[in-house]
Amino acid sequence: QVFADLESVGVDMADVIATLEREGVEKFEASWQ
């Protein structure tokens, strides 16, 4: 129901997840450097 409510107000969870994965890898790459 939380996911349904998020969608109803305009939060695109698929985009949230894609953003977090991309940023997660980028952050660890930056930390490694």
PDB file of all heavy atoms in Angstrom:
ATOM      1  N   GLN A   1       0.829  -1.205   0.000  1.00  0.00           N
ATOM      2  CA  GLN A   1       0.000   0.000   0.000  1.00  0.00           C
ATOM      3  C   GLN A   1       0.866   1.259   0.000  1.00  0.00           C
ATOM      4  O   GLN A   1       0.530   2.251  -0.652  1.00  0.00           O
ATOM      5  CB  GLN A   1      -0.919   0.003   1.229  1.00  0.00           C
ATOM      6  CG  GLN A   1      -1.913   1.158   1.235  1.00  0.00           C
ATOM      7  CD  GLN A   1      -2.843   1.136   0.035  1.00  0.00           C
ATOM      8  OE1 GLN A   1      -3.484   0.120  -0.247  1.00  0.00           O
ATOM      9  NE2 GLN A   1      -2.907   2.251  -0.699  1.00  0.00           N
ATOM     10  N   VAL A   2       2.018   1.209   0.712  1.00  0.00           N
ATOM     11  CA  VAL A   2       2.948   2.339   0.687  1.00  0.00           C
ATOM     12  C   VAL A   2       3.422   2.592  -0.741  1.00  0.00           C
ATOM     13  O   VAL A   2       3.441   3.739  -1.212  1.00  0.00           O
ATOM     14  CB  VAL A   2       4.160   2.083   1.613  1.00  0.00           C
ATOM     15  CG1 VAL A   2       5.254   3.133   1.381  1.00  0.00           C
ATOM     16  CG2 VAL A   2       3.737   2.089   3.073  1.00  0.00           C
ATOM     17  N   PHE A   3       3.752   1.531  -1.457  1.00  0.00           N
ATOM     18  CA  PHE A   3       4.197   1.685  -2.840  1.00  0.00           C
ATOM     19  C   PHE A   3       3.075   2.252  -3.720  1.00  0.00           C
ATOM     20  O   PHE A   3       3.325   3.100  -4.591  1.00  0.00           O
ATOM     21  CB  PHE A   3       4.677   0.338  -3.391  1.00  0.00           C
ATOM     22  CG  PHE A   3       6.119   0.061  -3.137  1.00  0.00           C
ATOM     23  CD1 PHE A   3       6.653   0.157  -1.863  1.00  0.00           C
ATOM     24  CD2 PHE A   3       6.974  -0.297  -4.168  1.00  0.00           C
ATOM     25  CE1 PHE A   3       7.987  -0.092  -1.614  1.00  0.00           C
ATOM     26  CE2 PHE A   3       8.320  -0.544  -3.941  1.00  0.00           C
ATOM     27  CZ  PHE A   3       8.828  -0.434  -2.668  1.00  0.00           C
ATOM     28  N   ALA A   4       1.857   1.791  -3.501  1.00  0.00           N
ATOM     29  CA  ALA A   4       0.724   2.304  -4.275  1.00  0.00           C
ATOM     30  C   ALA A   4       0.505   3.788  -3.981  1.00  0.00           C
ATOM     31  O   ALA A   4       0.239   4.588  -4.894  1.00  0.00           O
ATOM     32  CB  ALA A   4      -0.533   1.507  -3.950  1.00  0.00           C
ATOM     33  N   ASP A   5       0.634   4.170  -2.715  1.00  0.00           N
ATOM     34  CA  ASP A   5       0.459   5.568  -2.337  1.00  0.00           C
ATOM     35  C   ASP A   5       1.561   6.445  -2.936  1.00  0.00           C
ATOM     36  O   ASP A   5       1.306   7.581  -3.372  1.00  0.00           O
ATOM     37  CB  ASP A   5       0.455   5.708  -0.815  1.00  0.00           C
ATOM     38  CG  ASP A   5      -0.779   5.080  -0.158  1.00  0.00           C
ATOM     39  OD1 ASP A   5      -1.765   4.834  -0.883  1.00  0.00           O
ATOM     40  OD2 ASP A   5      -0.726   4.824   1.059  1.00  0.00           O
ATOM     41  N   LEU A   6       2.787   5.934  -2.956  1.00  0.00           N
ATOM     42  CA  LEU A   6       3.890   6.685  -3.561  1.00  0.00           C
ATOM     43  C   LEU A   6       3.631   6.917  -5.050  1.00  0.00           C
ATOM     44  O   LEU A   6       3.852   8.017  -5.570  1.00  0.00           O
ATOM     45  CB  LEU A   6       5.212   5.940  -3.359  1.00  0.00           C
ATOM     46  CG  LEU A   6       5.769   5.936  -1.935  1.00  0.00           C
ATOM     47  CD1 LEU A   6       6.903   4.932  -1.803  1.00  0.00           C
ATOM     48  CD2 LEU A   6       6.256   7.333  -1.544  1.00  0.00           C
ATOM     49  N   GLU A   7       3.153   5.885  -5.712  1.00  0.00           N
ATOM     50  CA  GLU A   7       2.845   6.026  -7.137  1.00  0.00           C
ATOM     51  C   GLU A   7       1.727   7.046  -7.346  1.00  0.00           C
ATOM     52  O   GLU A   7       1.774   7.857  -8.285  1.00  0.00           O
ATOM     53  CB  GLU A   7       2.431   4.672  -7.717  1.00  0.00           C
ATOM     54  CG  GLU A   7       2.150   4.705  -9.213  1.00  0.00           C
ATOM     55  CD  GLU A   7       1.743   3.347  -9.773  1.00  0.00           C
ATOM     56  OE1 GLU A   7       1.601   2.392  -8.976  1.00  0.00           O
ATOM     57  OE2 GLU A   7       1.547   3.254 -10.999  1.00  0.00           O
ATOM     58  N   SER A   8       0.748   7.034  -6.454  1.00  0.00           N
ATOM     59  CA  SER A   8      -0.408   7.927  -6.627  1.00  0.00           C
ATOM     60  C   SER A   8      -0.037   9.397  -6.495  1.00  0.00           C
ATOM     61  O   SER A   8      -0.707  10.258  -7.075  1.00  0.00           O
ATOM     62  CB  SER A   8      -1.501   7.580  -5.611  1.00  0.00           C
ATOM     63  OG  SER A   8      -1.125   7.977  -4.291  1.00  0.00           O
ATOM     64  N   VAL A   9       1.037   9.699  -5.741  1.00  0.00           N
ATOM     65  CA  VAL A   9       1.452  11.102  -5.599  1.00  0.00           C
ATOM     66  C   VAL A   9       2.525  11.489  -6.612  1.00  0.00           C
ATOM     67  O   VAL A   9       2.980  12.633  -6.632  1.00  0.00           O
ATOM     68  CB  VAL A   9       1.939  11.414  -4.169  1.00  0.00           C
ATOM     69  CG1 VAL A   9       0.833  11.169  -3.159  1.00  0.00           C
ATOM     70  CG2 VAL A   9       3.205  10.634  -3.820  1.00  0.00           C
ATOM     71  N   GLY A  10       2.946  10.508  -7.433  1.00  0.00           N
ATOM     72  CA  GLY A  10       3.873  10.831  -8.507  1.00  0.00           C
ATOM     73  C   GLY A  10       5.311  10.418  -8.316  1.00  0.00           C
ATOM     74  O   GLY A  10       6.194  10.881  -9.052  1.00  0.00           O
ATOM     75  N   VAL A  11       5.578   9.528  -7.361  1.00  0.00           N
ATOM     76  CA  VAL A  11       6.946   9.030  -7.175  1.00  0.00           C
ATOM     77  C   VAL A  11       7.140   7.789  -8.047  1.00  0.00           C
ATOM     78  O   VAL A  11       6.428   6.798  -7.889  1.00  0.00           O
ATOM     79  CB  VAL A  11       7.235   8.684  -5.700  1.00  0.00           C
ATOM     80  CG1 VAL A  11       8.621   8.045  -5.565  1.00  0.00           C
ATOM     81  CG2 VAL A  11       7.145   9.937  -4.835  1.00  0.00           C
ATOM     82  N   ASP A  12       8.098   7.860  -8.950  1.00  0.00           N
ATOM     83  CA  ASP A  12       8.415   6.749  -9.849  1.00  0.00           C
ATOM     84  C   ASP A  12       9.480   5.883  -9.175  1.00  0.00           C
ATOM     85  O   ASP A  12      10.666   6.189  -9.222  1.00  0.00           O
ATOM     86  CB  ASP A  12       8.932   7.306 -11.183  1.00  0.00           C
ATOM     87  CG  ASP A  12       9.218   6.219 -12.203  1.00  0.00           C
ATOM     88  OD1 ASP A  12       9.265   5.028 -11.820  1.00  0.00           O
ATOM     89  OD2 ASP A  12       9.421   6.554 -13.385  1.00  0.00           O
ATOM     90  N   MET A  13       9.054   4.788  -8.533  1.00  0.00           N
ATOM     91  CA  MET A  13      10.001   3.968  -7.774  1.00  0.00           C
ATOM     92  C   MET A  13      11.022   3.290  -8.673  1.00  0.00           C
ATOM     93  O   MET A  13      12.162   3.059  -8.264  1.00  0.00           O
ATOM     94  CB  MET A  13       9.255   2.929  -6.943  1.00  0.00           C
ATOM     95  CG  MET A  13       8.606   3.494  -5.685  1.00  0.00           C
ATOM     96  SD  MET A  13       9.771   4.324  -4.558  1.00  0.00           S
ATOM     97  CE  MET A  13      10.828   2.943  -4.071  1.00  0.00           C
ATOM     98  N   ALA A  14      10.634   2.973  -9.902  1.00  0.00           N
ATOM     99  CA  ALA A  14      11.604   2.372 -10.826  1.00  0.00           C
ATOM    100  C   ALA A  14      12.751   3.342 -11.084  1.00  0.00           C
ATOM    101  O   ALA A  14      13.930   2.949 -11.126  1.00  0.00           O
ATOM    102  CB  ALA A  14      10.926   1.983 -12.136  1.00  0.00           C
ATOM    103  N   ASP A  15      12.427   4.611 -11.232  1.00  0.00           N
ATOM    104  CA  ASP A  15      13.466   5.622 -11.440  1.00  0.00           C
ATOM    105  C   ASP A  15      14.277   5.842 -10.166  1.00  0.00           C
ATOM    106  O   ASP A  15      15.489   6.071 -10.224  1.00  0.00           O
ATOM    107  CB  ASP A  15      12.832   6.935 -11.885  1.00  0.00           C
ATOM    108  CG  ASP A  15      13.889   7.978 -12.244  1.00  0.00           C
ATOM    109  OD1 ASP A  15      14.620   7.767 -13.233  1.00  0.00           O
ATOM    110  OD2 ASP A  15      14.002   8.985 -11.517  1.00  0.00           O
ATOM    111  N   VAL A  16      13.618   5.780  -9.016  1.00  0.00           N
ATOM    112  CA  VAL A  16      14.335   5.889  -7.735  1.00  0.00           C
ATOM    113  C   VAL A  16      15.401   4.804  -7.636  1.00  0.00           C
ATOM    114  O   VAL A  16      16.563   5.079  -7.312  1.00  0.00           O
ATOM    115  CB  VAL A  16      13.350   5.772  -6.548  1.00  0.00           C
ATOM    116  CG1 VAL A  16      14.112   5.570  -5.231  1.00  0.00           C
ATOM    117  CG2 VAL A  16      12.470   7.003  -6.461  1.00  0.00           C
ATOM    118  N   ILE A  17      15.012   3.571  -7.929  1.00  0.00           N
ATOM    119  CA  ILE A  17      15.936   2.442  -7.809  1.00  0.00           C
ATOM    120  C   ILE A  17      17.081   2.567  -8.805  1.00  0.00           C
ATOM    121  O   ILE A  17      18.251   2.341  -8.466  1.00  0.00           O
ATOM    122  CB  ILE A  17      15.187   1.108  -7.998  1.00  0.00           C
ATOM    123  CG1 ILE A  17      14.110   0.941  -6.911  1.00  0.00           C
ATOM    124  CG2 ILE A  17      16.159  -0.057  -7.994  1.00  0.00           C
ATOM    125  CD1 ILE A  17      14.588   1.074  -5.498  1.00  0.00           C
ATOM    126  N   ALA A  18      16.761   2.940 -10.049  1.00  0.00           N
ATOM    127  CA  ALA A  18      17.801   3.094 -11.068  1.00  0.00           C
ATOM    128  C   ALA A  18      18.784   4.192 -10.667  1.00  0.00           C
ATOM    129  O   ALA A  18      20.009   4.052 -10.836  1.00  0.00           O
ATOM    130  CB  ALA A  18      17.171   3.417 -12.419  1.00  0.00           C
ATOM    131  N   THR A  19      18.273   5.275 -10.115  1.00  0.00           N
ATOM    132  CA  THR A  19      19.120   6.379  -9.676  1.00  0.00           C
ATOM    133  C   THR A  19      20.036   5.937  -8.547  1.00  0.00           C
ATOM    134  O   THR A  19      21.240   6.241  -8.539  1.00  0.00           O
ATOM    135  CB  THR A  19      18.254   7.568  -9.212  1.00  0.00           C
ATOM    136  OG1 THR A  19      17.478   8.041 -10.313  1.00  0.00           O
ATOM    137  CG2 THR A  19      19.114   8.698  -8.677  1.00  0.00           C
ATOM    138  N   LEU A  20      19.485   5.219  -7.579  1.00  0.00           N
ATOM    139  CA  LEU A  20      20.277   4.783  -6.427  1.00  0.00           C
ATOM    140  C   LEU A  20      21.371   3.804  -6.827  1.00  0.00           C
ATOM    141  O   LEU A  20      22.493   3.872  -6.309  1.00  0.00           O
ATOM    142  CB  LEU A  20      19.356   4.148  -5.378  1.00  0.00           C
ATOM    143  CG  LEU A  20      18.450   5.117  -4.621  1.00  0.00           C
ATOM    144  CD1 LEU A  20      17.423   4.347  -3.795  1.00  0.00           C
ATOM    145  CD2 LEU A  20      19.271   6.038  -3.729  1.00  0.00           C
ATOM    146  N   GLU A  21      21.051   2.886  -7.757  1.00  0.00           N
ATOM    147  CA  GLU A  21      22.087   1.948  -8.192  1.00  0.00           C
ATOM    148  C   GLU A  21      23.217   2.684  -8.907  1.00  0.00           C
ATOM    149  O   GLU A  21      24.399   2.441  -8.631  1.00  0.00           O
ATOM    150  CB  GLU A  21      21.507   0.879  -9.115  1.00  0.00           C
ATOM    151  CG  GLU A  21      22.578  -0.113  -9.587  1.00  0.00           C
ATOM    152  CD  GLU A  21      22.044  -1.155 -10.542  1.00  0.00           C
ATOM    153  OE1 GLU A  21      21.015  -1.776 -10.221  1.00  0.00           O
ATOM    154  OE2 GLU A  21      22.668  -1.340 -11.611  1.00  0.00           O
ATOM    155  N   ARG A  22      22.852   3.582  -9.812  1.00  0.00           N
ATOM    156  CA  ARG A  22      23.881   4.330 -10.537  1.00  0.00           C
ATOM    157  C   ARG A  22      24.730   5.164  -9.572  1.00  0.00           C
ATOM    158  O   ARG A  22      25.960   5.135  -9.633  1.00  0.00           O
ATOM    159  CB  ARG A  22      23.215   5.242 -11.563  1.00  0.00           C
ATOM    160  CG  ARG A  22      24.224   6.025 -12.423  1.00  0.00           C
ATOM    161  CD  ARG A  22      23.533   6.973 -13.386  1.00  0.00           C
ATOM    162  NE  ARG A  22      22.869   8.081 -12.700  1.00  0.00           N
ATOM    163  CZ  ARG A  22      21.557   8.178 -12.535  1.00  0.00           C
ATOM    164  NH1 ARG A  22      20.751   7.249 -13.012  1.00  0.00           N
ATOM    165  NH2 ARG A  22      21.022   9.220 -11.909  1.00  0.00           N
ATOM    166  N   GLU A  23      24.080   5.881  -8.680  1.00  0.00           N
ATOM    167  CA  GLU A  23      24.815   6.712  -7.737  1.00  0.00           C
ATOM    168  C   GLU A  23      25.618   5.872  -6.754  1.00  0.00           C
ATOM    169  O   GLU A  23      26.708   6.270  -6.334  1.00  0.00           O
ATOM    170  CB  GLU A  23      23.845   7.620  -6.973  1.00  0.00           C
ATOM    171  CG  GLU A  23      23.227   8.709  -7.835  1.00  0.00           C
ATOM    172  CD  GLU A  23      22.287   9.606  -7.047  1.00  0.00           C
ATOM    173  OE1 GLU A  23      21.984   9.262  -5.877  1.00  0.00           O
ATOM    174  OE2 GLU A  23      21.867  10.646  -7.589  1.00  0.00           O
ATOM    175  N   GLY A  24      25.080   4.698  -6.386  1.00  0.00           N
ATOM    176  CA  GLY A  24      25.800   3.832  -5.457  1.00  0.00           C
ATOM    177  C   GLY A  24      27.133   3.385  -6.016  1.00  0.00           C
ATOM    178  O   GLY A  24      28.164   3.431  -5.333  1.00  0.00           O
ATOM    179  N   VAL A  25      27.124   2.949  -7.274  1.00  0.00           N
ATOM    180  CA  VAL A  25      28.377   2.538  -7.921  1.00  0.00           C
ATOM    181  C   VAL A  25      29.307   3.736  -8.061  1.00  0.00           C
ATOM    182  O   VAL A  25      30.514   3.643  -7.781  1.00  0.00           O
ATOM    183  CB  VAL A  25      28.087   1.901  -9.299  1.00  0.00           C
ATOM    184  CG1 VAL A  25      29.394   1.627 -10.041  1.00  0.00           C
ATOM    185  CG2 VAL A  25      27.295   0.601  -9.134  1.00  0.00           C
ATOM    186  N   GLU A  26      28.755   4.882  -8.471  1.00  0.00           N
ATOM    187  CA  GLU A  26      29.587   6.074  -8.652  1.00  0.00           C
ATOM    188  C   GLU A  26      30.226   6.517  -7.338  1.00  0.00           C
ATOM    189  O   GLU A  26      31.400   6.913  -7.304  1.00  0.00           O
ATOM    190  CB  GLU A  26      28.746   7.214  -9.232  1.00  0.00           C
ATOM    191  CG  GLU A  26      28.335   6.989 -10.689  1.00  0.00           C
ATOM    192  CD  GLU A  26      27.356   8.046 -11.187  1.00  0.00           C
ATOM    193  OE1 GLU A  26      26.885   8.861 -10.352  1.00  0.00           O
ATOM    194  OE2 GLU A  26      27.048   8.050 -12.391  1.00  0.00           O
ATOM    195  N   LYS A  27      29.483   6.444  -6.249  1.00  0.00           N
ATOM    196  CA  LYS A  27      30.014   6.854  -4.947  1.00  0.00           C
ATOM    197  C   LYS A  27      31.145   5.937  -4.502  1.00  0.00           C
ATOM    198  O   LYS A  27      32.162   6.397  -3.975  1.00  0.00           O
ATOM    199  CB  LYS A  27      28.896   6.866  -3.902  1.00  0.00           C
ATOM    200  CG  LYS A  27      27.940   8.042  -4.047  1.00  0.00           C
ATOM    201  CD  LYS A  27      26.814   7.958  -3.039  1.00  0.00           C
ATOM    202  CE  LYS A  27      25.858   9.134  -3.187  1.00  0.00           C
ATOM    203  NZ  LYS A  27      24.729   9.062  -2.230  1.00  0.00           N
ATOM    204  N   PHE A  28      30.974   4.634  -4.701  1.00  0.00           N
ATOM    205  CA  PHE A  28      32.038   3.723  -4.304  1.00  0.00           C
ATOM    206  C   PHE A  28      33.245   3.835  -5.227  1.00  0.00           C
ATOM    207  O   PHE A  28      34.385   3.659  -4.790  1.00  0.00           O
ATOM    208  CB  PHE A  28      31.523   2.281  -4.232  1.00  0.00           C
ATOM    209  CG  PHE A  28      30.803   1.975  -2.946  1.00  0.00           C
ATOM    210  CD1 PHE A  28      29.605   1.287  -2.953  1.00  0.00           C
ATOM    211  CD2 PHE A  28      31.319   2.379  -1.730  1.00  0.00           C
ATOM    212  CE1 PHE A  28      28.934   1.009  -1.770  1.00  0.00           C
ATOM    213  CE2 PHE A  28      30.656   2.106  -0.534  1.00  0.00           C
ATOM    214  CZ  PHE A  28      29.461   1.416  -0.558  1.00  0.00           C
ATOM    215  N   GLU A  29      33.009   4.136  -6.497  1.00  0.00           N
ATOM    216  CA  GLU A  29      34.139   4.395  -7.397  1.00  0.00           C
ATOM    217  C   GLU A  29      34.909   5.634  -6.940  1.00  0.00           C
ATOM    218  O   GLU A  29      36.148   5.643  -6.929  1.00  0.00           O
ATOM    219  CB  GLU A  29      33.635   4.597  -8.827  1.00  0.00           C
ATOM    220  CG  GLU A  29      33.178   3.324  -9.524  1.00  0.00           C
ATOM    221  CD  GLU A  29      32.640   3.590 -10.916  1.00  0.00           C
ATOM    222  OE1 GLU A  29      32.419   4.775 -11.245  1.00  0.00           O
ATOM    223  OE2 GLU A  29      32.442   2.627 -11.673  1.00  0.00           O
ATOM    224  N   ALA A  30      34.174   6.676  -6.558  1.00  0.00           N
ATOM    225  CA  ALA A  30      34.822   7.901  -6.081  1.00  0.00           C
ATOM    226  C   ALA A  30      35.594   7.634  -4.798  1.00  0.00           C
ATOM    227  O   ALA A  30      36.729   8.107  -4.625  1.00  0.00           O
ATOM    228  CB  ALA A  30      33.778   8.992  -5.856  1.00  0.00           C
ATOM    229  N   SER A  31      35.009   6.858  -3.899  1.00  0.00           N
ATOM    230  CA  SER A  31      35.692   6.526  -2.650  1.00  0.00           C
ATOM    231  C   SER A  31      36.957   5.717  -2.912  1.00  0.00           C
ATOM    232  O   SER A  31      37.983   5.902  -2.249  1.00  0.00           O
ATOM    233  CB  SER A  31      34.753   5.728  -1.734  1.00  0.00           C
ATOM    234  OG  SER A  31      33.715   6.540  -1.271  1.00  0.00           O
ATOM    235  N   TRP A  32      36.867   4.808  -3.880  1.00  0.00           N
ATOM    236  CA  TRP A  32      38.033   3.992  -4.227  1.00  0.00           C
ATOM    237  C   TRP A  32      39.161   4.870  -4.757  1.00  0.00           C
ATOM    238  O   TRP A  32      40.333   4.690  -4.394  1.00  0.00           O
ATOM    239  CB  TRP A  32      37.647   2.941  -5.255  1.00  0.00           C
ATOM    240  CG  TRP A  32      38.734   1.944  -5.528  1.00  0.00           C
ATOM    241  CD1 TRP A  32      39.600   1.942  -6.577  1.00  0.00           C
ATOM    242  CD2 TRP A  32      39.078   0.813  -4.729  1.00  0.00           C
ATOM    243  NE1 TRP A  32      40.462   0.879  -6.496  1.00  0.00           N
ATOM    244  CE2 TRP A  32      40.164   0.169  -5.370  1.00  0.00           C
ATOM    245  CE3 TRP A  32      38.560   0.276  -3.551  1.00  0.00           C
ATOM    246  CZ2 TRP A  32      40.750  -0.985  -4.845  1.00  0.00           C
ATOM    247  CZ3 TRP A  32      39.147  -0.867  -3.040  1.00  0.00           C
ATOM    248  CH2 TRP A  32      40.219  -1.483  -3.680  1.00  0.00           C
ATOM    249  N   GLN A  33      38.805   5.822  -5.599  1.00  0.00           N
ATOM    250  CA  GLN A  33      39.825   6.721  -6.129  1.00  0.00           C
ATOM    251  C   GLN A  33      40.428   7.569  -5.022  1.00  0.00           C
ATOM    252  O   GLN A  33      41.644   7.821  -5.014  1.00  0.00           O
ATOM    253  CB  GLN A  33      39.228   7.616  -7.212  1.00  0.00           C
ATOM    254  CG  GLN A  33      40.280   8.435  -7.965  1.00  0.00           C
ATOM    255  CD  GLN A  33      41.332   7.568  -8.636  1.00  0.00           C
ATOM    256  OE1 GLN A  33      41.001   6.642  -9.383  1.00  0.00           O
ATOM    257  NE2 GLN A  33      42.613   7.833  -8.347  1.00  0.00           N
TER     258      GLN A  33
END
